[in-house]
Amino acid sequence: MQGIEPKFHSSLTDRMDYYRGLLKKIADDPEIQPSDMISRVSELSELYEDYLANKRQLERSIKSYRQYHNDLRKHLTLRVRELRRKVKQK
């Protein structure tokens, strides 16, 4: 099945938590430079967008896999019925 790897997903969420924690700390720090704050907010925003893109990709992959699985199951069910009919006829 295609999609994002669990390690990548957890790494991405860990980095988001790390930057979120930094933003909470620097919000009260009067010595922080505005440019540093902007760059950290920007990095957090990019990480969040990456997270959302990967989440959508994973959801599409799961939906595609589910459809493939259901189609295969239907095909196999029909094939099993045909084989049972042939066995009964003999």
PDB file of N, CA and C in Angstrom:
ATOM      1  N   MET A   1       0.845  -1.180   0.000  1.00  0.00           N
ATOM      2  CA  MET A   1       0.000   0.000   0.000  1.00  0.00           C
ATOM      3  C   MET A   1       0.890   1.242   0.000  1.00  0.00           C
ATOM      4  N   GLN A   2       0.523   2.196  -0.818  1.00  0.00           N
ATOM      5  CA  GLN A   2       1.280   3.427  -0.878  1.00  0.00           C
ATOM      6  C   GLN A   2       0.865   4.339   0.270  1.00  0.00           C
ATOM      7  N   GLY A   3       1.626   5.380   0.456  1.00  0.00           N
ATOM      8  CA  GLY A   3       1.303   6.335   1.511  1.00  0.00           C
ATOM      9  C   GLY A   3       2.553   6.762   2.226  1.00  0.00           C
ATOM     10  N   ILE A   4       2.386   7.518   3.263  1.00  0.00           N
ATOM     11  CA  ILE A   4       3.543   7.983   4.006  1.00  0.00           C
ATOM     12  C   ILE A   4       3.987   6.925   4.990  1.00  0.00           C
ATOM     13  N   GLU A   5       5.247   6.907   5.243  1.00  0.00           N
ATOM     14  CA  GLU A   5       5.801   5.958   6.210  1.00  0.00           C
ATOM     15  C   GLU A   5       5.476   6.444   7.626  1.00  0.00           C
ATOM     16  N   PRO A   6       5.214   5.519   8.548  1.00  0.00           N
ATOM     17  CA  PRO A   6       4.917   5.931   9.926  1.00  0.00           C
ATOM     18  C   PRO A   6       6.056   6.713  10.570  1.00  0.00           C
ATOM     19  N   LYS A   7       7.304   6.347  10.259  1.00  0.00           N
ATOM     20  CA  LYS A   7       8.432   7.079  10.852  1.00  0.00           C
ATOM     21  C   LYS A   7       8.447   8.519  10.367  1.00  0.00           C
ATOM     22  N   PHE A   8       8.186   8.712   9.078  1.00  0.00           N
ATOM     23  CA  PHE A   8       8.159  10.065   8.531  1.00  0.00           C
ATOM     24  C   PHE A   8       7.042  10.868   9.174  1.00  0.00           C
ATOM     25  N   HIS A   9       5.879  10.247   9.306  1.00  0.00           N
ATOM     26  CA  HIS A   9       4.726  10.909   9.916  1.00  0.00           C
ATOM     27  C   HIS A   9       5.039  11.318  11.353  1.00  0.00           C
ATOM     28  N   SER A  10       5.606  10.406  12.136  1.00  0.00           N
ATOM     29  CA  SER A  10       5.898  10.735  13.534  1.00  0.00           C
ATOM     30  C   SER A  10       7.011  11.776  13.624  1.00  0.00           C
ATOM     31  N   SER A  11       7.985  11.709  12.717  1.00  0.00           N
ATOM     32  CA  SER A  11       9.053  12.708  12.700  1.00  0.00           C
ATOM     33  C   SER A  11       8.475  14.091  12.417  1.00  0.00           C
ATOM     34  N   LEU A  12       7.567  14.140  11.455  1.00  0.00           N
ATOM     35  CA  LEU A  12       6.951  15.416  11.097  1.00  0.00           C
ATOM     36  C   LEU A  12       6.138  15.978  12.259  1.00  0.00           C
ATOM     37  N   THR A  13       5.355  15.144  12.914  1.00  0.00           N
ATOM     38  CA  THR A  13       4.568  15.635  14.042  1.00  0.00           C
ATOM     39  C   THR A  13       5.458  16.006  15.222  1.00  0.00           C
ATOM     40  N   ASP A  14       6.562  15.288  15.427  1.00  0.00           N
ATOM     41  CA  ASP A  14       7.508  15.644  16.494  1.00  0.00           C
ATOM     42  C   ASP A  14       8.119  17.019  16.238  1.00  0.00           C
ATOM     43  N   ARG A  15       8.504  17.267  14.983  1.00  0.00           N
ATOM     44  CA  ARG A  15       9.078  18.577  14.655  1.00  0.00           C
ATOM     45  C   ARG A  15       8.044  19.675  14.827  1.00  0.00           C
ATOM     46  N   MET A  16       6.794  19.390  14.460  1.00  0.00           N
ATOM     47  CA  MET A  16       5.746  20.387  14.652  1.00  0.00           C
ATOM     48  C   MET A  16       5.569  20.692  16.136  1.00  0.00           C
ATOM     49  N   ASP A  17       5.569  19.665  16.969  1.00  0.00           N
ATOM     50  CA  ASP A  17       5.450  19.882  18.414  1.00  0.00           C
ATOM     51  C   ASP A  17       6.629  20.684  18.952  1.00  0.00           C
ATOM     52  N   TYR A  18       7.824  20.375  18.450  1.00  0.00           N
ATOM     53  CA  TYR A  18       9.027  21.091  18.881  1.00  0.00           C
ATOM     54  C   TYR A  18       8.907  22.578  18.549  1.00  0.00           C
ATOM     55  N   TYR A  19       8.542  22.877  17.306  1.00  0.00           N
ATOM     56  CA  TYR A  19       8.416  24.290  16.917  1.00  0.00           C
ATOM     57  C   TYR A  19       7.261  24.974  17.639  1.00  0.00           C
ATOM     58  N   ARG A  20       6.198  24.261  17.883  1.00  0.00           N
ATOM     59  CA  ARG A  20       5.081  24.828  18.627  1.00  0.00           C
ATOM     60  C   ARG A  20       5.534  25.199  20.039  1.00  0.00           C
ATOM     61  N   GLY A  21       6.317  24.303  20.668  1.00  0.00           N
ATOM     62  CA  GLY A  21       6.866  24.599  21.996  1.00  0.00           C
ATOM     63  C   GLY A  21       7.780  25.804  21.983  1.00  0.00           C
ATOM     64  N   LEU A  22       8.625  25.890  20.941  1.00  0.00           N
ATOM     65  CA  LEU A  22       9.502  27.059  20.819  1.00  0.00           C
ATOM     66  C   LEU A  22       8.701  28.346  20.687  1.00  0.00           C
ATOM     67  N   LEU A  23       7.639  28.292  19.893  1.00  0.00           N
ATOM     68  CA  LEU A  23       6.826  29.492  19.717  1.00  0.00           C
ATOM     69  C   LEU A  23       6.167  29.922  21.019  1.00  0.00           C
ATOM     70  N   LYS A  24       5.750  28.953  21.812  1.00  0.00           N
ATOM     71  CA  LYS A  24       5.154  29.296  23.104  1.00  0.00           C
ATOM     72  C   LYS A  24       6.188  29.945  24.017  1.00  0.00           C
ATOM     73  N   LYS A  25       7.426  29.438  23.972  1.00  0.00           N
ATOM     74  CA  LYS A  25       8.486  30.000  24.818  1.00  0.00           C
ATOM     75  C   LYS A  25       8.865  31.409  24.374  1.00  0.00           C
ATOM     76  N   ILE A  26       8.999  31.599  23.054  1.00  0.00           N
ATOM     77  CA  ILE A  26       9.455  32.910  22.584  1.00  0.00           C
ATOM     78  C   ILE A  26       8.356  33.961  22.621  1.00  0.00           C
ATOM     79  N   ALA A  27       7.115  33.538  22.756  1.00  0.00           N
ATOM     80  CA  ALA A  27       6.026  34.522  22.832  1.00  0.00           C
ATOM     81  C   ALA A  27       6.183  35.414  24.062  1.00  0.00           C
ATOM     82  N   ASP A  28       6.754  34.867  25.137  1.00  0.00           N
ATOM     83  CA  ASP A  28       6.926  35.636  26.375  1.00  0.00           C
ATOM     84  C   ASP A  28       8.323  36.226  26.517  1.00  0.00           C
ATOM     85  N   ASP A  29       9.221  35.891  25.604  1.00  0.00           N
ATOM     86  CA  ASP A  29      10.607  36.355  25.679  1.00  0.00           C
ATOM     87  C   ASP A  29      10.745  37.730  25.023  1.00  0.00           C
ATOM     88  N   PRO A  30      11.045  38.786  25.834  1.00  0.00           N
ATOM     89  CA  PRO A  30      11.147  40.133  25.255  1.00  0.00           C
ATOM     90  C   PRO A  30      12.430  40.335  24.424  1.00  0.00           C
ATOM     91  N   GLU A  31      13.410  39.451  24.570  1.00  0.00           N
ATOM     92  CA  GLU A  31      14.675  39.632  23.870  1.00  0.00           C
ATOM     93  C   GLU A  31      14.705  38.981  22.483  1.00  0.00           C
ATOM     94  N   ILE A  32      13.665  38.271  22.120  1.00  0.00           N
ATOM     95  CA  ILE A  32      13.656  37.569  20.842  1.00  0.00           C
ATOM     96  C   ILE A  32      13.516  38.566  19.692  1.00  0.00           C
ATOM     97  N   GLN A  33      14.246  38.312  18.636  1.00  0.00           N
ATOM     98  CA  GLN A  33      14.199  39.169  17.448  1.00  0.00           C
ATOM     99  C   GLN A  33      12.958  38.838  16.620  1.00  0.00           C
ATOM    100  N   PRO A  34      12.301  39.834  16.101  1.00  0.00           N
ATOM    101  CA  PRO A  34      11.108  39.573  15.274  1.00  0.00           C
ATOM    102  C   PRO A  34      11.410  38.670  14.069  1.00  0.00           C
ATOM    103  N   SER A  35      12.584  38.819  13.500  1.00  0.00           N
ATOM    104  CA  SER A  35      12.922  37.992  12.338  1.00  0.00           C
ATOM    105  C   SER A  35      13.026  36.516  12.729  1.00  0.00           C
ATOM    106  N   ASP A  36      13.556  36.229  13.945  1.00  0.00           N
ATOM    107  CA  ASP A  36      13.619  34.854  14.423  1.00  0.00           C
ATOM    108  C   ASP A  36      12.217  34.276  14.624  1.00  0.00           C
ATOM    109  N   MET A  37      11.347  35.098  15.187  1.00  0.00           N
ATOM    110  CA  MET A  37       9.982  34.655  15.429  1.00  0.00           C
ATOM    111  C   MET A  37       9.280  34.376  14.104  1.00  0.00           C
ATOM    112  N   ILE A  38       9.464  35.248  13.138  1.00  0.00           N
ATOM    113  CA  ILE A  38       8.827  35.072  11.832  1.00  0.00           C
ATOM    114  C   ILE A  38       9.338  33.812  11.153  1.00  0.00           C
ATOM    115  N   SER A  39      10.643  33.569  11.228  1.00  0.00           N
ATOM    116  CA  SER A  39      11.191  32.382  10.571  1.00  0.00           C
ATOM    117  C   SER A  39      10.679  31.105  11.226  1.00  0.00           C
ATOM    118  N   ARG A  40      10.528  31.111  12.539  1.00  0.00           N
ATOM    119  CA  ARG A  40      10.013  29.928  13.234  1.00  0.00           C
ATOM    120  C   ARG A  40       8.538  29.702  12.940  1.00  0.00           C
ATOM    121  N   VAL A  41       7.779  30.769  12.878  1.00  0.00           N
ATOM    122  CA  VAL A  41       6.367  30.644  12.523  1.00  0.00           C
ATOM    123  C   VAL A  41       6.250  30.130  11.089  1.00  0.00           C
ATOM    124  N   SER A  42       7.097  30.633  10.216  1.00  0.00           N
ATOM    125  CA  SER A  42       7.090  30.190   8.830  1.00  0.00           C
ATOM    126  C   SER A  42       7.433  28.709   8.722  1.00  0.00           C
ATOM    127  N   GLU A  43       8.445  28.264   9.467  1.00  0.00           N
ATOM    128  CA  GLU A  43       8.835  26.854   9.458  1.00  0.00           C
ATOM    129  C   GLU A  43       7.695  25.979   9.973  1.00  0.00           C
ATOM    130  N   LEU A  44       7.038  26.409  11.021  1.00  0.00           N
ATOM    131  CA  LEU A  44       5.914  25.650  11.564  1.00  0.00           C
ATOM    132  C   LEU A  44       4.774  25.575  10.542  1.00  0.00           C
ATOM    133  N   SER A  45       4.525  26.657   9.858  1.00  0.00           N
ATOM    134  CA  SER A  45       3.485  26.675   8.835  1.00  0.00           C
ATOM    135  C   SER A  45       3.820  25.716   7.702  1.00  0.00           C
ATOM    136  N   GLU A  46       5.074  25.692   7.262  1.00  0.00           N
ATOM    137  CA  GLU A  46       5.493  24.774   6.197  1.00  0.00           C
ATOM    138  C   GLU A  46       5.367  23.319   6.648  1.00  0.00           C
ATOM    139  N   LEU A  47       5.758  23.035   7.880  1.00  0.00           N
ATOM    140  CA  LEU A  47       5.630  21.683   8.405  1.00  0.00           C
ATOM    141  C   LEU A  47       4.168  21.250   8.454  1.00  0.00           C
ATOM    142  N   TYR A  48       3.311  22.157   8.845  1.00  0.00           N
ATOM    143  CA  TYR A  48       1.895  21.843   8.923  1.00  0.00           C
ATOM    144  C   TYR A  48       1.324  21.563   7.530  1.00  0.00           C
ATOM    145  N   GLU A  49       1.740  22.365   6.548  1.00  0.00           N
ATOM    146  CA  GLU A  49       1.289  22.133   5.174  1.00  0.00           C
ATOM    147  C   GLU A  49       1.793  20.786   4.666  1.00  0.00           C
ATOM    148  N   ASP A  50       3.044  20.428   4.984  1.00  0.00           N
ATOM    149  CA  ASP A  50       3.571  19.115   4.616  1.00  0.00           C
ATOM    150  C   ASP A  50       2.750  18.008   5.269  1.00  0.00           C
ATOM    151  N   TYR A  51       2.425  18.204   6.515  1.00  0.00           N
ATOM    152  CA  TYR A  51       1.623  17.223   7.249  1.00  0.00           C
ATOM    153  C   TYR A  51       0.267  17.021   6.571  1.00  0.00           C
ATOM    154  N   LEU A  52      -0.390  18.115   6.225  1.00  0.00           N
ATOM    155  CA  LEU A  52      -1.700  18.017   5.592  1.00  0.00           C
ATOM    156  C   LEU A  52      -1.612  17.349   4.220  1.00  0.00           C
ATOM    157  N   ALA A  53      -0.581  17.687   3.455  1.00  0.00           N
ATOM    158  CA  ALA A  53      -0.410  17.068   2.133  1.00  0.00           C
ATOM    159  C   ALA A  53      -0.184  15.565   2.272  1.00  0.00           C
ATOM    160  N   ASN A  54       0.635  15.167   3.217  1.00  0.00           N
ATOM    161  CA  ASN A  54       0.903  13.746   3.423  1.00  0.00           C
ATOM    162  C   ASN A  54      -0.319  13.018   3.964  1.00  0.00           C
ATOM    163  N   LYS A  55      -1.076  13.691   4.785  1.00  0.00           N
ATOM    164  CA  LYS A  55      -2.301  13.091   5.314  1.00  0.00           C
ATOM    165  C   LYS A  55      -3.298  12.851   4.188  1.00  0.00           C
ATOM    166  N   ARG A  56      -3.444  13.824   3.283  1.00  0.00           N
ATOM    167  CA  ARG A  56      -4.344  13.650   2.143  1.00  0.00           C
ATOM    168  C   ARG A  56      -3.870  12.504   1.249  1.00  0.00           C
ATOM    169  N   GLN A  57      -2.552  12.419   1.033  1.00  0.00           N
ATOM    170  CA  GLN A  57      -2.010  11.334   0.217  1.00  0.00           C
ATOM    171  C   GLN A  57      -2.306   9.980   0.855  1.00  0.00           C
ATOM    172  N   LEU A  58      -2.130   9.886   2.149  1.00  0.00           N
ATOM    173  CA  LEU A  58      -2.417   8.642   2.855  1.00  0.00           C
ATOM    174  C   LEU A  58      -3.899   8.284   2.757  1.00  0.00           C
ATOM    175  N   GLU A  59      -4.766   9.264   2.913  1.00  0.00           N
ATOM    176  CA  GLU A  59      -6.203   9.004   2.812  1.00  0.00           C
ATOM    177  C   GLU A  59      -6.576   8.519   1.417  1.00  0.00           C
ATOM    178  N   ARG A  60      -5.978   9.129   0.380  1.00  0.00           N
ATOM    179  CA  ARG A  60      -6.239   8.671  -0.990  1.00  0.00           C
ATOM    180  C   ARG A  60      -5.730   7.246  -1.187  1.00  0.00           C
ATOM    181  N   SER A  61      -4.565   6.952  -0.644  1.00  0.00           N
ATOM    182  CA  SER A  61      -4.001   5.612  -0.787  1.00  0.00           C
ATOM    183  C   SER A  61      -4.871   4.569  -0.096  1.00  0.00           C
ATOM    184  N   ILE A  62      -5.361   4.892   1.082  1.00  0.00           N
ATOM    185  CA  ILE A  62      -6.233   3.966   1.814  1.00  0.00           C
ATOM    186  C   ILE A  62      -7.531   3.754   1.042  1.00  0.00           C
ATOM    187  N   LYS A  63      -8.092   4.815   0.514  1.00  0.00           N
ATOM    188  CA  LYS A  63      -9.330   4.699  -0.255  1.00  0.00           C
ATOM    189  C   LYS A  63      -9.099   3.844  -1.502  1.00  0.00           C
ATOM    190  N   SER A  64      -7.993   4.071  -2.178  1.00  0.00           N
ATOM    191  CA  SER A  64      -7.664   3.294  -3.373  1.00  0.00           C
ATOM    192  C   SER A  64      -7.466   1.822  -3.028  1.00  0.00           C
ATOM    193  N   TYR A  65      -6.766   1.560  -1.955  1.00  0.00           N
ATOM    194  CA  TYR A  65      -6.536   0.182  -1.532  1.00  0.00           C
ATOM    195  C   TYR A  65      -7.854  -0.499  -1.163  1.00  0.00           C
ATOM    196  N   ARG A  66      -8.702   0.208  -0.454  1.00  0.00           N
ATOM    197  CA  ARG A  66     -10.000  -0.345  -0.060  1.00  0.00           C
ATOM    198  C   ARG A  66     -10.822  -0.688  -1.302  1.00  0.00           C
ATOM    199  N   GLN A  67     -10.823   0.198  -2.296  1.00  0.00           N
ATOM    200  CA  GLN A  67     -11.560  -0.064  -3.534  1.00  0.00           C
ATOM    201  C   GLN A  67     -10.983  -1.283  -4.253  1.00  0.00           C
ATOM    202  N   TYR A  68      -9.666  -1.356  -4.320  1.00  0.00           N
ATOM    203  CA  TYR A  68      -9.009  -2.502  -4.954  1.00  0.00           C
ATOM    204  C   TYR A  68      -9.379  -3.796  -4.228  1.00  0.00           C
ATOM    205  N   HIS A  69      -9.323  -3.770  -2.924  1.00  0.00           N
ATOM    206  CA  HIS A  69      -9.652  -4.946  -2.112  1.00  0.00           C
ATOM    207  C   HIS A  69     -11.103  -5.374  -2.342  1.00  0.00           C
ATOM    208  N   ASN A  70     -12.026  -4.431  -2.339  1.00  0.00           N
ATOM    209  CA  ASN A  70     -13.441  -4.755  -2.547  1.00  0.00           C
ATOM    210  C   ASN A  70     -13.689  -5.321  -3.943  1.00  0.00           C
ATOM    211  N   ASP A  71     -13.061  -4.730  -4.949  1.00  0.00           N
ATOM    212  CA  ASP A  71     -13.221  -5.239  -6.313  1.00  0.00           C
ATOM    213  C   ASP A  71     -12.671  -6.651  -6.436  1.00  0.00           C
ATOM    214  N   LEU A  72     -11.529  -6.886  -5.842  1.00  0.00           N
ATOM    215  CA  LEU A  72     -10.931  -8.217  -5.893  1.00  0.00           C
ATOM    216  C   LEU A  72     -11.805  -9.239  -5.169  1.00  0.00           C
ATOM    217  N   ARG A  73     -12.337  -8.860  -4.039  1.00  0.00           N
ATOM    218  CA  ARG A  73     -13.212  -9.750  -3.279  1.00  0.00           C
ATOM    219  C   ARG A  73     -14.468 -10.094  -4.078  1.00  0.00           C
ATOM    220  N   LYS A  74     -15.059  -9.109  -4.744  1.00  0.00           N
ATOM    221  CA  LYS A  74     -16.242  -9.364  -5.571  1.00  0.00           C
ATOM    222  C   LYS A  74     -15.912 -10.322  -6.707  1.00  0.00           C
ATOM    223  N   HIS A  75     -14.793 -10.084  -7.349  1.00  0.00           N
ATOM    224  CA  HIS A  75     -14.372 -10.954  -8.448  1.00  0.00           C
ATOM    225  C   HIS A  75     -14.156 -12.387  -7.963  1.00  0.00           C
ATOM    226  N   LEU A  76     -13.504 -12.524  -6.841  1.00  0.00           N
ATOM    227  CA  LEU A  76     -13.255 -13.855  -6.301  1.00  0.00           C
ATOM    228  C   LEU A  76     -14.540 -14.551  -5.862  1.00  0.00           C
ATOM    229  N   THR A  77     -15.468 -13.799  -5.321  1.00  0.00           N
ATOM    230  CA  THR A  77     -16.750 -14.377  -4.909  1.00  0.00           C
ATOM    231  C   THR A  77     -17.486 -14.938  -6.123  1.00  0.00           C
ATOM    232  N   LEU A  78     -17.495 -14.195  -7.217  1.00  0.00           N
ATOM    233  CA  LEU A  78     -18.132 -14.678  -8.440  1.00  0.00           C
ATOM    234  C   LEU A  78     -17.427 -15.929  -8.963  1.00  0.00           C
ATOM    235  N   ARG A  79     -16.136 -15.919  -8.898  1.00  0.00           N
ATOM    236  CA  ARG A  79     -15.358 -17.072  -9.386  1.00  0.00           C
ATOM    237  C   ARG A  79     -15.634 -18.317  -8.526  1.00  0.00           C
ATOM    238  N   VAL A  80     -15.724 -18.142  -7.214  1.00  0.00           N
ATOM    239  CA  VAL A  80     -16.016 -19.261  -6.315  1.00  0.00           C
ATOM    240  C   VAL A  80     -17.410 -19.816  -6.607  1.00  0.00           C
ATOM    241  N   ARG A  81     -18.378 -18.960  -6.861  1.00  0.00           N
ATOM    242  CA  ARG A  81     -19.732 -19.409  -7.188  1.00  0.00           C
ATOM    243  C   ARG A  81     -19.740 -20.242  -8.472  1.00  0.00           C
ATOM    244  N   GLU A  82     -19.000 -19.755  -9.472  1.00  0.00           N
ATOM    245  CA  GLU A  82     -18.925 -20.501 -10.728  1.00  0.00           C
ATOM    246  C   GLU A  82     -18.317 -21.882 -10.512  1.00  0.00           C
ATOM    247  N   LEU A  83     -17.278 -21.941  -9.732  1.00  0.00           N
ATOM    248  CA  LEU A  83     -16.634 -23.223  -9.467  1.00  0.00           C
ATOM    249  C   LEU A  83     -17.550 -24.166  -8.693  1.00  0.00           C
ATOM    250  N   ARG A  84     -18.313 -23.645  -7.763  1.00  0.00           N
ATOM    251  CA  ARG A  84     -19.259 -24.488  -7.015  1.00  0.00           C
ATOM    252  C   ARG A  84     -20.336 -25.055  -7.943  1.00  0.00           C
ATOM    253  N   ARG A  85     -20.818 -24.222  -8.865  1.00  0.00           N
ATOM    254  CA  ARG A  85     -21.821 -24.689  -9.824  1.00  0.00           C
ATOM    255  C   ARG A  85     -21.274 -25.825 -10.671  1.00  0.00           C
ATOM    256  N   LYS A  86     -20.044 -25.656 -11.107  1.00  0.00           N
ATOM    257  CA  LYS A  86     -19.426 -26.696 -11.930  1.00  0.00           C
ATOM    258  C   LYS A  86     -19.272 -28.001 -11.161  1.00  0.00           C
ATOM    259  N   VAL A  87     -18.906 -27.898  -9.885  1.00  0.00           N
ATOM    260  CA  VAL A  87     -18.750 -29.091  -9.049  1.00  0.00           C
ATOM    261  C   VAL A  87     -20.095 -29.765  -8.845  1.00  0.00           C
ATOM    262  N   LYS A  88     -21.152 -29.016  -8.631  1.00  0.00           N
ATOM    263  CA  LYS A  88     -22.488 -29.580  -8.427  1.00  0.00           C
ATOM    264  C   LYS A  88     -23.001 -30.251  -9.691  1.00  0.00           C
ATOM    265  N   GLN A  89     -22.661 -29.694 -10.826  1.00  0.00           N
ATOM    266  CA  GLN A  89     -23.134 -30.257 -12.091  1.00  0.00           C
ATOM    267  C   GLN A  89     -22.475 -31.601 -12.395  1.00  0.00           C
ATOM    268  N   LYS A  90     -21.313 -31.834 -11.899  1.00  0.00           N
ATOM    269  CA  LYS A  90     -20.587 -33.086 -12.172  1.00  0.00           C
ATOM    270  C   LYS A  90     -21.053 -34.189 -11.327  1.00  0.00           C
TER     271      LYS A  90
END
